PDB file of N, CA and C in Angstrom:
ATOM      1  N   MET A   1     -36.310  39.844  31.148  1.00  0.00           N
ATOM      2  CA  MET A   1     -34.920  39.552  30.495  1.00  0.00           C
ATOM      3  C   MET A   1     -34.034  39.083  31.536  1.00  0.00           C
ATOM      4  N   ALA A   2     -33.266  38.065  31.318  1.00  0.00           N
ATOM      5  CA  ALA A   2     -32.275  37.549  32.086  1.00  0.00           C
ATOM      6  C   ALA A   2     -30.988  38.402  31.983  1.00  0.00           C
ATOM      7  N   THR A   3     -30.177  38.182  32.975  1.00  0.00           N
ATOM      8  CA  THR A   3     -28.879  38.941  33.078  1.00  0.00           C
ATOM      9  C   THR A   3     -27.682  38.079  32.362  1.00  0.00           C
ATOM     10  N   VAL A   4     -26.793  38.792  32.127  1.00  0.00           N
ATOM     11  CA  VAL A   4     -25.429  38.133  31.580  1.00  0.00           C
ATOM     12  C   VAL A   4     -25.093  36.988  32.546  1.00  0.00           C
ATOM     13  N   ASP A   5     -24.974  37.276  33.891  1.00  0.00           N
ATOM     14  CA  ASP A   5     -24.668  36.166  34.797  1.00  0.00           C
ATOM     15  C   ASP A   5     -25.543  34.959  34.734  1.00  0.00           C
ATOM     16  N   GLU A   6     -26.828  35.258  34.700  1.00  0.00           N
ATOM     17  CA  GLU A   6     -27.787  34.086  34.638  1.00  0.00           C
ATOM     18  C   GLU A   6     -27.532  33.296  33.350  1.00  0.00           C
ATOM     19  N   CYS A   7     -27.249  33.900  32.263  1.00  0.00           N
ATOM     20  CA  CYS A   7     -26.924  33.163  31.031  1.00  0.00           C
ATOM     21  C   CYS A   7     -25.740  32.408  31.174  1.00  0.00           C
ATOM     22  N   ARG A   8     -24.644  33.007  31.723  1.00  0.00           N
ATOM     23  CA  ARG A   8     -23.399  32.292  31.960  1.00  0.00           C
ATOM     24  C   ARG A   8     -23.683  31.096  32.895  1.00  0.00           C
ATOM     25  N   GLN A   9     -24.433  31.256  33.784  1.00  0.00           N
ATOM     26  CA  GLN A   9     -24.709  30.080  34.739  1.00  0.00           C
ATOM     27  C   GLN A   9     -25.501  29.115  34.119  1.00  0.00           C
ATOM     28  N   ALA A  10     -26.418  29.393  33.171  1.00  0.00           N
ATOM     29  CA  ALA A  10     -27.287  28.509  32.412  1.00  0.00           C
ATOM     30  C   ALA A  10     -26.329  27.644  31.519  1.00  0.00           C
ATOM     31  N   LEU A  11     -25.392  28.161  31.065  1.00  0.00           N
ATOM     32  CA  LEU A  11     -24.371  27.512  30.096  1.00  0.00           C
ATOM     33  C   LEU A  11     -23.618  26.470  31.002  1.00  0.00           C
ATOM     34  N   HIS A  12     -23.171  26.987  32.133  1.00  0.00           N
ATOM     35  CA  HIS A  12     -22.424  26.001  33.020  1.00  0.00           C
ATOM     36  C   HIS A  12     -23.266  24.883  33.536  1.00  0.00           C
ATOM     37  N   ASP A  13     -24.485  25.193  33.799  1.00  0.00           N
ATOM     38  CA  ASP A  13     -25.439  24.057  34.255  1.00  0.00           C
ATOM     39  C   ASP A  13     -25.686  23.084  33.009  1.00  0.00           C
ATOM     40  N   LEU A  14     -25.775  23.584  31.868  1.00  0.00           N
ATOM     41  CA  LEU A  14     -25.863  22.737  30.682  1.00  0.00           C
ATOM     42  C   LEU A  14     -24.713  21.915  30.518  1.00  0.00           C
ATOM     43  N   ALA A  15     -23.490  22.527  30.795  1.00  0.00           N
ATOM     44  CA  ALA A  15     -22.292  21.796  30.731  1.00  0.00           C
ATOM     45  C   ALA A  15     -22.280  20.633  31.747  1.00  0.00           C
ATOM     46  N   ALA A  16     -22.800  20.854  32.953  1.00  0.00           N
ATOM     47  CA  ALA A  16     -22.824  19.771  33.988  1.00  0.00           C
ATOM     48  C   ALA A  16     -23.809  18.602  33.498  1.00  0.00           C
ATOM     49  N   LYS A  17     -24.943  19.036  32.890  1.00  0.00           N
ATOM     50  CA  LYS A  17     -25.936  17.998  32.446  1.00  0.00           C
ATOM     51  C   LYS A  17     -25.341  17.204  31.308  1.00  0.00           C
ATOM     52  N   LEU A  18     -24.536  17.827  30.371  1.00  0.00           N
ATOM     53  CA  LEU A  18     -23.915  17.140  29.253  1.00  0.00           C
ATOM     54  C   LEU A  18     -22.906  16.167  29.733  1.00  0.00           C
ATOM     55  N   ALA A  19     -22.117  16.727  30.832  1.00  0.00           N
ATOM     56  CA  ALA A  19     -21.003  15.729  31.363  1.00  0.00           C
ATOM     57  C   ALA A  19     -21.709  14.486  32.009  1.00  0.00           C
ATOM     58  N   ALA A  20     -22.824  14.662  32.696  1.00  0.00           N
ATOM     59  CA  ALA A  20     -23.422  13.507  33.261  1.00  0.00           C
ATOM     60  C   ALA A  20     -24.077  12.580  32.229  1.00  0.00           C
ATOM     61  N   ASN A  21     -24.521  13.118  31.220  1.00  0.00           N
ATOM     62  CA  ASN A  21     -25.118  12.294  30.181  1.00  0.00           C
ATOM     63  C   ASN A  21     -24.032  11.561  29.388  1.00  0.00           C
ATOM     64  N   ALA A  22     -22.874  12.319  29.314  1.00  0.00           N
ATOM     65  CA  ALA A  22     -21.699  11.631  28.498  1.00  0.00           C
ATOM     66  C   ALA A  22     -21.289  10.349  29.228  1.00  0.00           C
ATOM     67  N   GLU A  23     -21.344  10.467  30.526  1.00  0.00           N
ATOM     68  CA  GLU A  23     -20.793   9.218  31.383  1.00  0.00           C
ATOM     69  C   GLU A  23     -21.808   8.111  31.191  1.00  0.00           C
ATOM     70  N   THR A  24     -23.136   8.354  31.102  1.00  0.00           N
ATOM     71  CA  THR A  24     -24.132   7.227  31.116  1.00  0.00           C
ATOM     72  C   THR A  24     -24.430   6.813  29.681  1.00  0.00           C
ATOM     73  N   GLN A  25     -24.297   7.751  28.708  1.00  0.00           N
ATOM     74  CA  GLN A  25     -24.594   7.363  27.337  1.00  0.00           C
ATOM     75  C   GLN A  25     -23.481   7.172  26.363  1.00  0.00           C
ATOM     76  N   GLY A  26     -22.330   7.364  26.830  1.00  0.00           N
ATOM     77  CA  GLY A  26     -21.111   7.214  25.918  1.00  0.00           C
ATOM     78  C   GLY A  26     -20.814   8.566  25.344  1.00  0.00           C
ATOM     79  N   LYS A  27     -19.661   8.559  24.749  1.00  0.00           N
ATOM     80  CA  LYS A  27     -19.184   9.771  24.057  1.00  0.00           C
ATOM     81  C   LYS A  27     -19.735   9.954  22.799  1.00  0.00           C
ATOM     82  N   LEU A  28     -19.966  11.219  22.408  1.00  0.00           N
ATOM     83  CA  LEU A  28     -20.497  11.606  21.055  1.00  0.00           C
ATOM     84  C   LEU A  28     -19.250  12.049  20.223  1.00  0.00           C
ATOM     85  N   ASP A  29     -19.180  11.589  19.036  1.00  0.00           N
ATOM     86  CA  ASP A  29     -18.040  11.878  18.110  1.00  0.00           C
ATOM     87  C   ASP A  29     -18.271  13.203  17.429  1.00  0.00           C
ATOM     88  N   LEU A  30     -18.053  14.313  18.339  1.00  0.00           N
ATOM     89  CA  LEU A  30     -18.253  15.656  17.849  1.00  0.00           C
ATOM     90  C   LEU A  30     -17.257  16.519  18.586  1.00  0.00           C
ATOM     91  N   ASP A  31     -16.480  17.233  17.857  1.00  0.00           N
ATOM     92  CA  ASP A  31     -15.519  18.176  18.415  1.00  0.00           C
ATOM     93  C   ASP A  31     -15.519  19.402  17.665  1.00  0.00           C
ATOM     94  N   ARG A  32     -16.362  20.389  18.133  1.00  0.00           N
ATOM     95  CA  ARG A  32     -16.444  21.579  17.457  1.00  0.00           C
ATOM     96  C   ARG A  32     -16.504  22.838  18.487  1.00  0.00           C
ATOM     97  N   THR A  33     -16.005  24.073  17.863  1.00  0.00           N
ATOM     98  CA  THR A  33     -16.198  25.256  18.629  1.00  0.00           C
ATOM     99  C   THR A  33     -17.705  25.786  18.546  1.00  0.00           C
ATOM    100  N   LEU A  34     -18.135  26.323  19.653  1.00  0.00           N
ATOM    101  CA  LEU A  34     -19.452  26.768  19.725  1.00  0.00           C
ATOM    102  C   LEU A  34     -19.494  28.157  20.231  1.00  0.00           C
ATOM    103  N   ALA A  35     -20.306  28.943  19.549  1.00  0.00           N
ATOM    104  CA  ALA A  35     -20.643  30.439  19.934  1.00  0.00           C
ATOM    105  C   ALA A  35     -22.182  30.559  20.441  1.00  0.00           C
ATOM    106  N   CYS A  36     -22.312  31.087  21.424  1.00  0.00           N
ATOM    107  CA  CYS A  36     -23.696  31.317  21.975  1.00  0.00           C
ATOM    108  C   CYS A  36     -23.820  32.804  21.926  1.00  0.00           C
ATOM    109  N   ARG A  37     -24.738  33.250  21.115  1.00  0.00           N
ATOM    110  CA  ARG A  37     -24.907  34.797  20.991  1.00  0.00           C
ATOM    111  C   ARG A  37     -26.320  35.135  21.599  1.00  0.00           C
ATOM    112  N   VAL A  38     -26.274  36.033  22.619  1.00  0.00           N
ATOM    113  CA  VAL A  38     -27.510  36.404  23.298  1.00  0.00           C
ATOM    114  C   VAL A  38     -27.973  37.728  22.787  1.00  0.00           C
ATOM    115  N   THR A  39     -29.051  37.791  21.929  1.00  0.00           N
ATOM    116  CA  THR A  39     -29.348  38.926  21.100  1.00  0.00           C
ATOM    117  C   THR A  39     -29.821  40.172  21.949  1.00  0.00           C
ATOM    118  N   ASP A  40     -30.657  39.785  22.950  1.00  0.00           N
ATOM    119  CA  ASP A  40     -31.176  41.083  23.698  1.00  0.00           C
ATOM    120  C   ASP A  40     -30.196  41.573  24.725  1.00  0.00           C
ATOM    121  N   LEU A  41     -29.129  40.891  25.116  1.00  0.00           N
ATOM    122  CA  LEU A  41     -28.204  41.441  25.927  1.00  0.00           C
ATOM    123  C   LEU A  41     -26.969  41.942  25.169  1.00  0.00           C
ATOM    124  N   GLU A  42     -26.940  41.700  23.908  1.00  0.00           N
ATOM    125  CA  GLU A  42     -25.807  42.012  22.932  1.00  0.00           C
ATOM    126  C   GLU A  42     -24.403  41.502  23.571  1.00  0.00           C
ATOM    127  N   THR A  43     -24.443  40.290  23.981  1.00  0.00           N
ATOM    128  CA  THR A  43     -23.243  39.686  24.429  1.00  0.00           C
ATOM    129  C   THR A  43     -23.194  38.230  23.883  1.00  0.00           C
ATOM    130  N   ALA A  44     -22.099  37.571  24.101  1.00  0.00           N
ATOM    131  CA  ALA A  44     -21.884  36.263  23.563  1.00  0.00           C
ATOM    132  C   ALA A  44     -20.945  35.509  24.507  1.00  0.00           C
ATOM    133  N   PHE A  45     -21.027  34.134  24.300  1.00  0.00           N
ATOM    134  CA  PHE A  45     -20.134  33.239  24.998  1.00  0.00           C
ATOM    135  C   PHE A  45     -19.500  32.278  23.989  1.00  0.00           C
ATOM    136  N   HIS A  46     -18.493  31.727  24.292  1.00  0.00           N
ATOM    137  CA  HIS A  46     -17.919  30.697  23.456  1.00  0.00           C
ATOM    138  C   HIS A  46     -17.492  29.422  24.190  1.00  0.00           C
ATOM    139  N   ALA A  47     -17.356  28.292  23.609  1.00  0.00           N
ATOM    140  CA  ALA A  47     -17.006  27.199  24.322  1.00  0.00           C
ATOM    141  C   ALA A  47     -16.521  26.063  23.251  1.00  0.00           C
ATOM    142  N   ARG A  48     -16.275  24.970  23.701  1.00  0.00           N
ATOM    143  CA  ARG A  48     -15.970  23.783  22.827  1.00  0.00           C
ATOM    144  C   ARG A  48     -16.842  22.565  23.100  1.00  0.00           C
ATOM    145  N   LEU A  49     -17.439  22.019  22.185  1.00  0.00           N
ATOM    146  CA  LEU A  49     -18.130  20.679  22.334  1.00  0.00           C
ATOM    147  C   LEU A  49     -17.179  19.536  21.950  1.00  0.00           C
ATOM    148  N   THR A  50     -16.895  18.732  22.818  1.00  0.00           N
ATOM    149  CA  THR A  50     -15.972  17.596  22.653  1.00  0.00           C
ATOM    150  C   THR A  50     -16.451  16.390  23.477  1.00  0.00           C
ATOM    151  N   GLY A  51     -16.623  15.262  22.779  1.00  0.00           N
ATOM    152  CA  GLY A  51     -16.914  13.991  23.509  1.00  0.00           C
ATOM    153  C   GLY A  51     -18.170  14.101  24.230  1.00  0.00           C
ATOM    154  N   GLY A  52     -19.248  14.856  23.751  1.00  0.00           N
ATOM    155  CA  GLY A  52     -20.512  14.987  24.392  1.00  0.00           C
ATOM    156  C   GLY A  52     -20.424  15.908  25.527  1.00  0.00           C
ATOM    157  N   ARG A  53     -19.452  16.665  25.642  1.00  0.00           N
ATOM    158  CA  ARG A  53     -19.267  17.617  26.833  1.00  0.00           C
ATOM    159  C   ARG A  53     -19.073  19.051  26.214  1.00  0.00           C
ATOM    160  N   LEU A  54     -19.620  20.011  27.050  1.00  0.00           N
ATOM    161  CA  LEU A  54     -19.365  21.421  26.832  1.00  0.00           C
ATOM    162  C   LEU A  54     -18.249  21.961  27.739  1.00  0.00           C
ATOM    163  N   VAL A  55     -17.102  22.353  27.165  1.00  0.00           N
ATOM    164  CA  VAL A  55     -15.935  22.696  28.008  1.00  0.00           C
ATOM    165  C   VAL A  55     -15.411  24.013  27.567  1.00  0.00           C
ATOM    166  N   ASP A  56     -14.652  24.560  28.410  1.00  0.00           N
ATOM    167  CA  ASP A  56     -13.871  25.844  28.179  1.00  0.00           C
ATOM    168  C   ASP A  56     -14.878  27.007  27.852  1.00  0.00           C
ATOM    169  N   ILE A  57     -15.937  27.138  28.659  1.00  0.00           N
ATOM    170  CA  ILE A  57     -16.974  28.286  28.502  1.00  0.00           C
ATOM    171  C   ILE A  57     -16.273  29.510  28.882  1.00  0.00           C
ATOM    172  N   ALA A  58     -16.376  30.528  27.978  1.00  0.00           N
ATOM    173  CA  ALA A  58     -15.695  31.804  28.252  1.00  0.00           C
ATOM    174  C   ALA A  58     -16.548  32.898  27.647  1.00  0.00           C
ATOM    175  N   ASP A  59     -16.384  34.126  28.156  1.00  0.00           N
ATOM    176  CA  ASP A  59     -17.072  35.260  27.594  1.00  0.00           C
ATOM    177  C   ASP A  59     -16.532  35.652  26.315  1.00  0.00           C
ATOM    178  N   GLY A  60     -17.338  36.222  25.482  1.00  0.00           N
ATOM    179  CA  GLY A  60     -16.904  36.720  24.177  1.00  0.00           C
ATOM    180  C   GLY A  60     -17.370  35.866  23.037  1.00  0.00           C
ATOM    181  N   ASP A  61     -17.424  36.438  21.865  1.00  0.00           N
ATOM    182  CA  ASP A  61     -17.900  35.695  20.707  1.00  0.00           C
ATOM    183  C   ASP A  61     -16.722  35.006  20.010  1.00  0.00           C
ATOM    184  N   ASP A  62     -16.961  34.044  19.311  1.00  0.00           N
ATOM    185  CA  ASP A  62     -15.973  33.350  18.449  1.00  0.00           C
ATOM    186  C   ASP A  62     -16.539  33.420  16.996  1.00  0.00           C
ATOM    187  N   PRO A  63     -16.159  34.335  16.157  1.00  0.00           N
ATOM    188  CA  PRO A  63     -16.755  34.458  14.783  1.00  0.00           C
ATOM    189  C   PRO A  63     -16.467  33.249  13.976  1.00  0.00           C
ATOM    190  N   ARG A  64     -15.348  32.583  14.406  1.00  0.00           N
ATOM    191  CA  ARG A  64     -15.077  31.297  13.539  1.00  0.00           C
ATOM    192  C   ARG A  64     -15.639  30.074  14.023  1.00  0.00           C
ATOM    193  N   ALA A  65     -16.457  30.140  15.029  1.00  0.00           N
ATOM    194  CA  ALA A  65     -17.203  28.941  15.637  1.00  0.00           C
ATOM    195  C   ALA A  65     -17.915  28.041  14.453  1.00  0.00           C
ATOM    196  N   LYS A  66     -17.746  26.792  14.673  1.00  0.00           N
ATOM    197  CA  LYS A  66     -18.341  25.857  13.664  1.00  0.00           C
ATOM    198  C   LYS A  66     -19.867  25.778  14.032  1.00  0.00           C
ATOM    199  N   ILE A  67     -20.314  25.960  15.209  1.00  0.00           N
ATOM    200  CA  ILE A  67     -21.693  25.977  15.576  1.00  0.00           C
ATOM    201  C   ILE A  67     -22.044  27.228  16.227  1.00  0.00           C
ATOM    202  N   ALA A  68     -23.209  27.984  15.988  1.00  0.00           N
ATOM    203  CA  ALA A  68     -23.575  29.179  16.559  1.00  0.00           C
ATOM    204  C   ALA A  68     -25.057  28.937  17.062  1.00  0.00           C
ATOM    205  N   LEU A  69     -25.225  29.182  18.307  1.00  0.00           N
ATOM    206  CA  LEU A  69     -26.564  29.228  18.834  1.00  0.00           C
ATOM    207  C   LEU A  69     -26.932  30.807  19.111  1.00  0.00           C
ATOM    208  N   ILE A  70     -28.133  31.163  18.488  1.00  0.00           N
ATOM    209  CA  ILE A  70     -28.486  32.596  18.674  1.00  0.00           C
ATOM    210  C   ILE A  70     -29.861  32.530  19.314  1.00  0.00           C
ATOM    211  N   ALA A  71     -29.948  33.278  20.445  1.00  0.00           N
ATOM    212  CA  ALA A  71     -31.124  33.362  21.151  1.00  0.00           C
ATOM    213  C   ALA A  71     -31.404  34.534  22.045  1.00  0.00           C
ATOM    214  N   ALA A  72     -32.468  34.827  22.461  1.00  0.00           N
ATOM    215  CA  ALA A  72     -32.767  35.900  23.517  1.00  0.00           C
ATOM    216  C   ALA A  72     -32.310  35.190  24.988  1.00  0.00           C
ATOM    217  N   SER A  73     -32.160  36.065  25.876  1.00  0.00           N
ATOM    218  CA  SER A  73     -31.775  35.533  27.146  1.00  0.00           C
ATOM    219  C   SER A  73     -32.687  34.578  27.787  1.00  0.00           C
ATOM    220  N   ASP A  74     -33.947  34.966  27.794  1.00  0.00           N
ATOM    221  CA  ASP A  74     -34.952  34.203  28.414  1.00  0.00           C
ATOM    222  C   ASP A  74     -35.101  32.845  27.686  1.00  0.00           C
ATOM    223  N   ASP A  75     -34.991  32.946  26.474  1.00  0.00           N
ATOM    224  CA  ASP A  75     -35.043  31.661  25.637  1.00  0.00           C
ATOM    225  C   ASP A  75     -33.892  30.711  25.849  1.00  0.00           C
ATOM    226  N   LEU A  76     -32.671  31.304  26.106  1.00  0.00           N
ATOM    227  CA  LEU A  76     -31.450  30.500  26.436  1.00  0.00           C
ATOM    228  C   LEU A  76     -31.633  29.834  27.678  1.00  0.00           C
ATOM    229  N   ILE A  77     -32.207  30.575  28.797  1.00  0.00           N
ATOM    230  CA  ILE A  77     -32.364  29.899  30.044  1.00  0.00           C
ATOM    231  C   ILE A  77     -33.465  28.781  29.963  1.00  0.00           C
ATOM    232  N   ALA A  78     -34.551  29.096  29.280  1.00  0.00           N
ATOM    233  CA  ALA A  78     -35.605  28.167  29.102  1.00  0.00           C
ATOM    234  C   ALA A  78     -35.126  26.896  28.476  1.00  0.00           C
ATOM    235  N   LEU A  79     -34.131  27.123  27.374  1.00  0.00           N
ATOM    236  CA  LEU A  79     -33.779  25.951  26.664  1.00  0.00           C
ATOM    237  C   LEU A  79     -32.834  25.126  27.508  1.00  0.00           C
ATOM    238  N   THR A  80     -31.951  25.777  28.337  1.00  0.00           N
ATOM    239  CA  THR A  80     -30.990  24.967  29.042  1.00  0.00           C
ATOM    240  C   THR A  80     -31.595  24.304  30.296  1.00  0.00           C
ATOM    241  N   GLN A  81     -32.689  24.871  30.655  1.00  0.00           N
ATOM    242  CA  GLN A  81     -33.598  24.207  31.857  1.00  0.00           C
ATOM    243  C   GLN A  81     -34.500  23.191  31.411  1.00  0.00           C
ATOM    244  N   GLY A  82     -34.629  22.973  30.117  1.00  0.00           N
ATOM    245  CA  GLY A  82     -35.498  22.055  29.574  1.00  0.00           C
ATOM    246  C   GLY A  82     -37.008  22.384  29.457  1.00  0.00           C
ATOM    247  N   ARG A  83     -37.247  23.706  29.696  1.00  0.00           N
ATOM    248  CA  ARG A  83     -38.588  24.264  29.587  1.00  0.00           C
ATOM    249  C   ARG A  83     -38.986  24.599  28.190  1.00  0.00           C
ATOM    250  N   LEU A  84     -37.991  24.748  27.199  1.00  0.00           N
ATOM    251  CA  LEU A  84     -38.296  25.052  25.940  1.00  0.00           C
ATOM    252  C   LEU A  84     -37.664  23.962  24.982  1.00  0.00           C
ATOM    253  N   ASP A  85     -38.596  23.400  24.205  1.00  0.00           N
ATOM    254  CA  ASP A  85     -38.307  22.281  23.263  1.00  0.00           C
ATOM    255  C   ASP A  85     -37.468  22.833  22.154  1.00  0.00           C
ATOM    256  N   VAL A  86     -36.312  22.321  21.870  1.00  0.00           N
ATOM    257  CA  VAL A  86     -35.396  22.870  20.883  1.00  0.00           C
ATOM    258  C   VAL A  86     -35.867  22.801  19.491  1.00  0.00           C
ATOM    259  N   THR A  87     -36.612  21.701  19.131  1.00  0.00           N
ATOM    260  CA  THR A  87     -37.279  21.589  17.816  1.00  0.00           C
ATOM    261  C   THR A  87     -38.285  22.592  17.611  1.00  0.00           C
ATOM    262  N   ARG A  88     -39.251  22.802  18.594  1.00  0.00           N
ATOM    263  CA  ARG A  88     -40.186  23.759  18.394  1.00  0.00           C
ATOM    264  C   ARG A  88     -39.576  25.249  18.439  1.00  0.00           C
ATOM    265  N   ALA A  89     -38.544  25.398  19.260  1.00  0.00           N
ATOM    266  CA  ALA A  89     -38.035  26.749  19.290  1.00  0.00           C
ATOM    267  C   ALA A  89     -37.330  27.052  17.908  1.00  0.00           C
ATOM    268  N   ILE A  90     -36.661  26.206  17.401  1.00  0.00           N
ATOM    269  CA  ILE A  90     -36.186  26.433  16.007  1.00  0.00           C
ATOM    270  C   ILE A  90     -37.160  26.654  14.950  1.00  0.00           C
ATOM    271  N   ALA A  91     -38.280  25.839  14.946  1.00  0.00           N
ATOM    272  CA  ALA A  91     -39.424  25.921  13.968  1.00  0.00           C
ATOM    273  C   ALA A  91     -40.060  27.286  14.211  1.00  0.00           C
ATOM    274  N   SER A  92     -40.223  27.721  15.416  1.00  0.00           N
ATOM    275  CA  SER A  92     -40.963  29.031  15.568  1.00  0.00           C
ATOM    276  C   SER A  92     -39.972  30.313  15.634  1.00  0.00           C
ATOM    277  N   ARG A  93     -38.686  29.931  15.215  1.00  0.00           N
ATOM    278  CA  ARG A  93     -37.695  31.047  15.156  1.00  0.00           C
ATOM    279  C   ARG A  93     -37.321  31.706  16.444  1.00  0.00           C
ATOM    280  N   GLN A  94     -37.699  31.063  17.625  1.00  0.00           N
ATOM    281  CA  GLN A  94     -37.200  31.582  18.871  1.00  0.00           C
ATOM    282  C   GLN A  94     -35.712  31.536  19.051  1.00  0.00           C
ATOM    283  N   ILE A  95     -35.201  30.530  18.500  1.00  0.00           N
ATOM    284  CA  ILE A  95     -33.767  30.380  18.521  1.00  0.00           C
ATOM    285  C   ILE A  95     -33.273  29.905  17.181  1.00  0.00           C
ATOM    286  N   SER A  96     -31.993  30.207  16.823  1.00  0.00           N
ATOM    287  CA  SER A  96     -31.429  29.792  15.580  1.00  0.00           C
ATOM    288  C   SER A  96     -30.104  28.998  15.901  1.00  0.00           C
ATOM    289  N   ILE A  97     -29.935  27.952  15.241  1.00  0.00           N
ATOM    290  CA  ILE A  97     -28.757  27.251  15.302  1.00  0.00           C
ATOM    291  C   ILE A  97     -28.032  27.212  13.875  1.00  0.00           C
ATOM    292  N   LYS A  98     -26.804  27.599  13.763  1.00  0.00           N
ATOM    293  CA  LYS A  98     -26.120  27.682  12.445  1.00  0.00           C
ATOM    294  C   LYS A  98     -25.032  26.610  12.622  1.00  0.00           C
ATOM    295  N   ALA A  99     -25.084  25.520  11.858  1.00  0.00           N
ATOM    296  CA  ALA A  99     -24.136  24.527  11.790  1.00  0.00           C
ATOM    297  C   ALA A  99     -24.228  23.678  10.499  1.00  0.00           C
ATOM    298  N   ASN A 100     -23.369  22.937  10.140  1.00  0.00           N
ATOM    299  CA  ASN A 100     -23.555  22.206   8.998  1.00  0.00           C
ATOM    300  C   ASN A 100     -24.560  21.078   9.261  1.00  0.00           C
ATOM    301  N   PRO A 101     -25.222  20.512   8.240  1.00  0.00           N
ATOM    302  CA  PRO A 101     -26.347  19.423   8.539  1.00  0.00           C
ATOM    303  C   PRO A 101     -25.840  18.226   9.321  1.00  0.00           C
ATOM    304  N   PHE A 102     -24.603  17.753   9.100  1.00  0.00           N
ATOM    305  CA  PHE A 102     -24.189  16.602   9.744  1.00  0.00           C
ATOM    306  C   PHE A 102     -23.985  16.880  11.254  1.00  0.00           C
ATOM    307  N   ASP A 103     -23.520  18.150  11.654  1.00  0.00           N
ATOM    308  CA  ASP A 103     -23.353  18.511  12.977  1.00  0.00           C
ATOM    309  C   ASP A 103     -24.722  18.642  13.623  1.00  0.00           C
ATOM    310  N   LEU A 104     -25.712  19.185  12.964  1.00  0.00           N
ATOM    311  CA  LEU A 104     -27.038  19.225  13.481  1.00  0.00           C
ATOM    312  C   LEU A 104     -27.557  17.825  13.852  1.00  0.00           C
ATOM    313  N   LEU A 105     -27.360  16.903  13.111  1.00  0.00           N
ATOM    314  CA  LEU A 105     -27.769  15.498  13.282  1.00  0.00           C
ATOM    315  C   LEU A 105     -27.199  15.064  14.581  1.00  0.00           C
ATOM    316  N   LYS A 106     -25.973  15.229  14.833  1.00  0.00           N
ATOM    317  CA  LYS A 106     -25.196  14.726  16.043  1.00  0.00           C
ATOM    318  C   LYS A 106     -25.703  15.676  17.166  1.00  0.00           C
ATOM    319  N   LEU A 107     -26.007  16.970  17.000  1.00  0.00           N
ATOM    320  CA  LEU A 107     -26.366  17.781  18.110  1.00  0.00           C
ATOM    321  C   LEU A 107     -27.770  17.293  18.720  1.00  0.00           C
ATOM    322  N   ARG A 108     -28.610  16.835  17.790  1.00  0.00           N
ATOM    323  CA  ARG A 108     -29.874  16.174  18.244  1.00  0.00           C
ATOM    324  C   ARG A 108     -29.787  15.148  19.387  1.00  0.00           C
ATOM    325  N   LYS A 109     -28.685  14.377  19.233  1.00  0.00           N
ATOM    326  CA  LYS A 109     -28.367  13.444  20.405  1.00  0.00           C
ATOM    327  C   LYS A 109     -28.039  14.045  21.683  1.00  0.00           C
ATOM    328  N   LEU A 110     -27.469  15.232  21.648  1.00  0.00           N
ATOM    329  CA  LEU A 110     -27.198  15.889  22.931  1.00  0.00           C
ATOM    330  C   LEU A 110     -28.390  16.539  23.520  1.00  0.00           C
ATOM    331  N   LEU A 111     -29.291  17.143  22.691  1.00  0.00           N
ATOM    332  CA  LEU A 111     -30.401  17.937  23.242  1.00  0.00           C
ATOM    333  C   LEU A 111     -31.596  17.015  23.244  1.00  0.00           C
TER     334      LEU A 111
END
């Protein structure tokens, strides 16, 4: 099981990757709040997805977030490091993403 600090760092690493991708691939028309709930650590983080970037990462849940990623700590780390395929992880219920269908389609471009 990963620690809260490792999960926080994984989200910051993901934010850096998305920022680099946004510069080369152009901006994605998506501006939504995001909650990342880590089930085995009983903790959460929240942030904002805007222009293909993940910004304003902070501790704590956002119950009103438009997009919610729910995962165990090890799965979150593997997902952000590219060792876990998001489509397979959702299909096998390792992770769960709650969002409206149109946002899910846009998110595929990021992941």
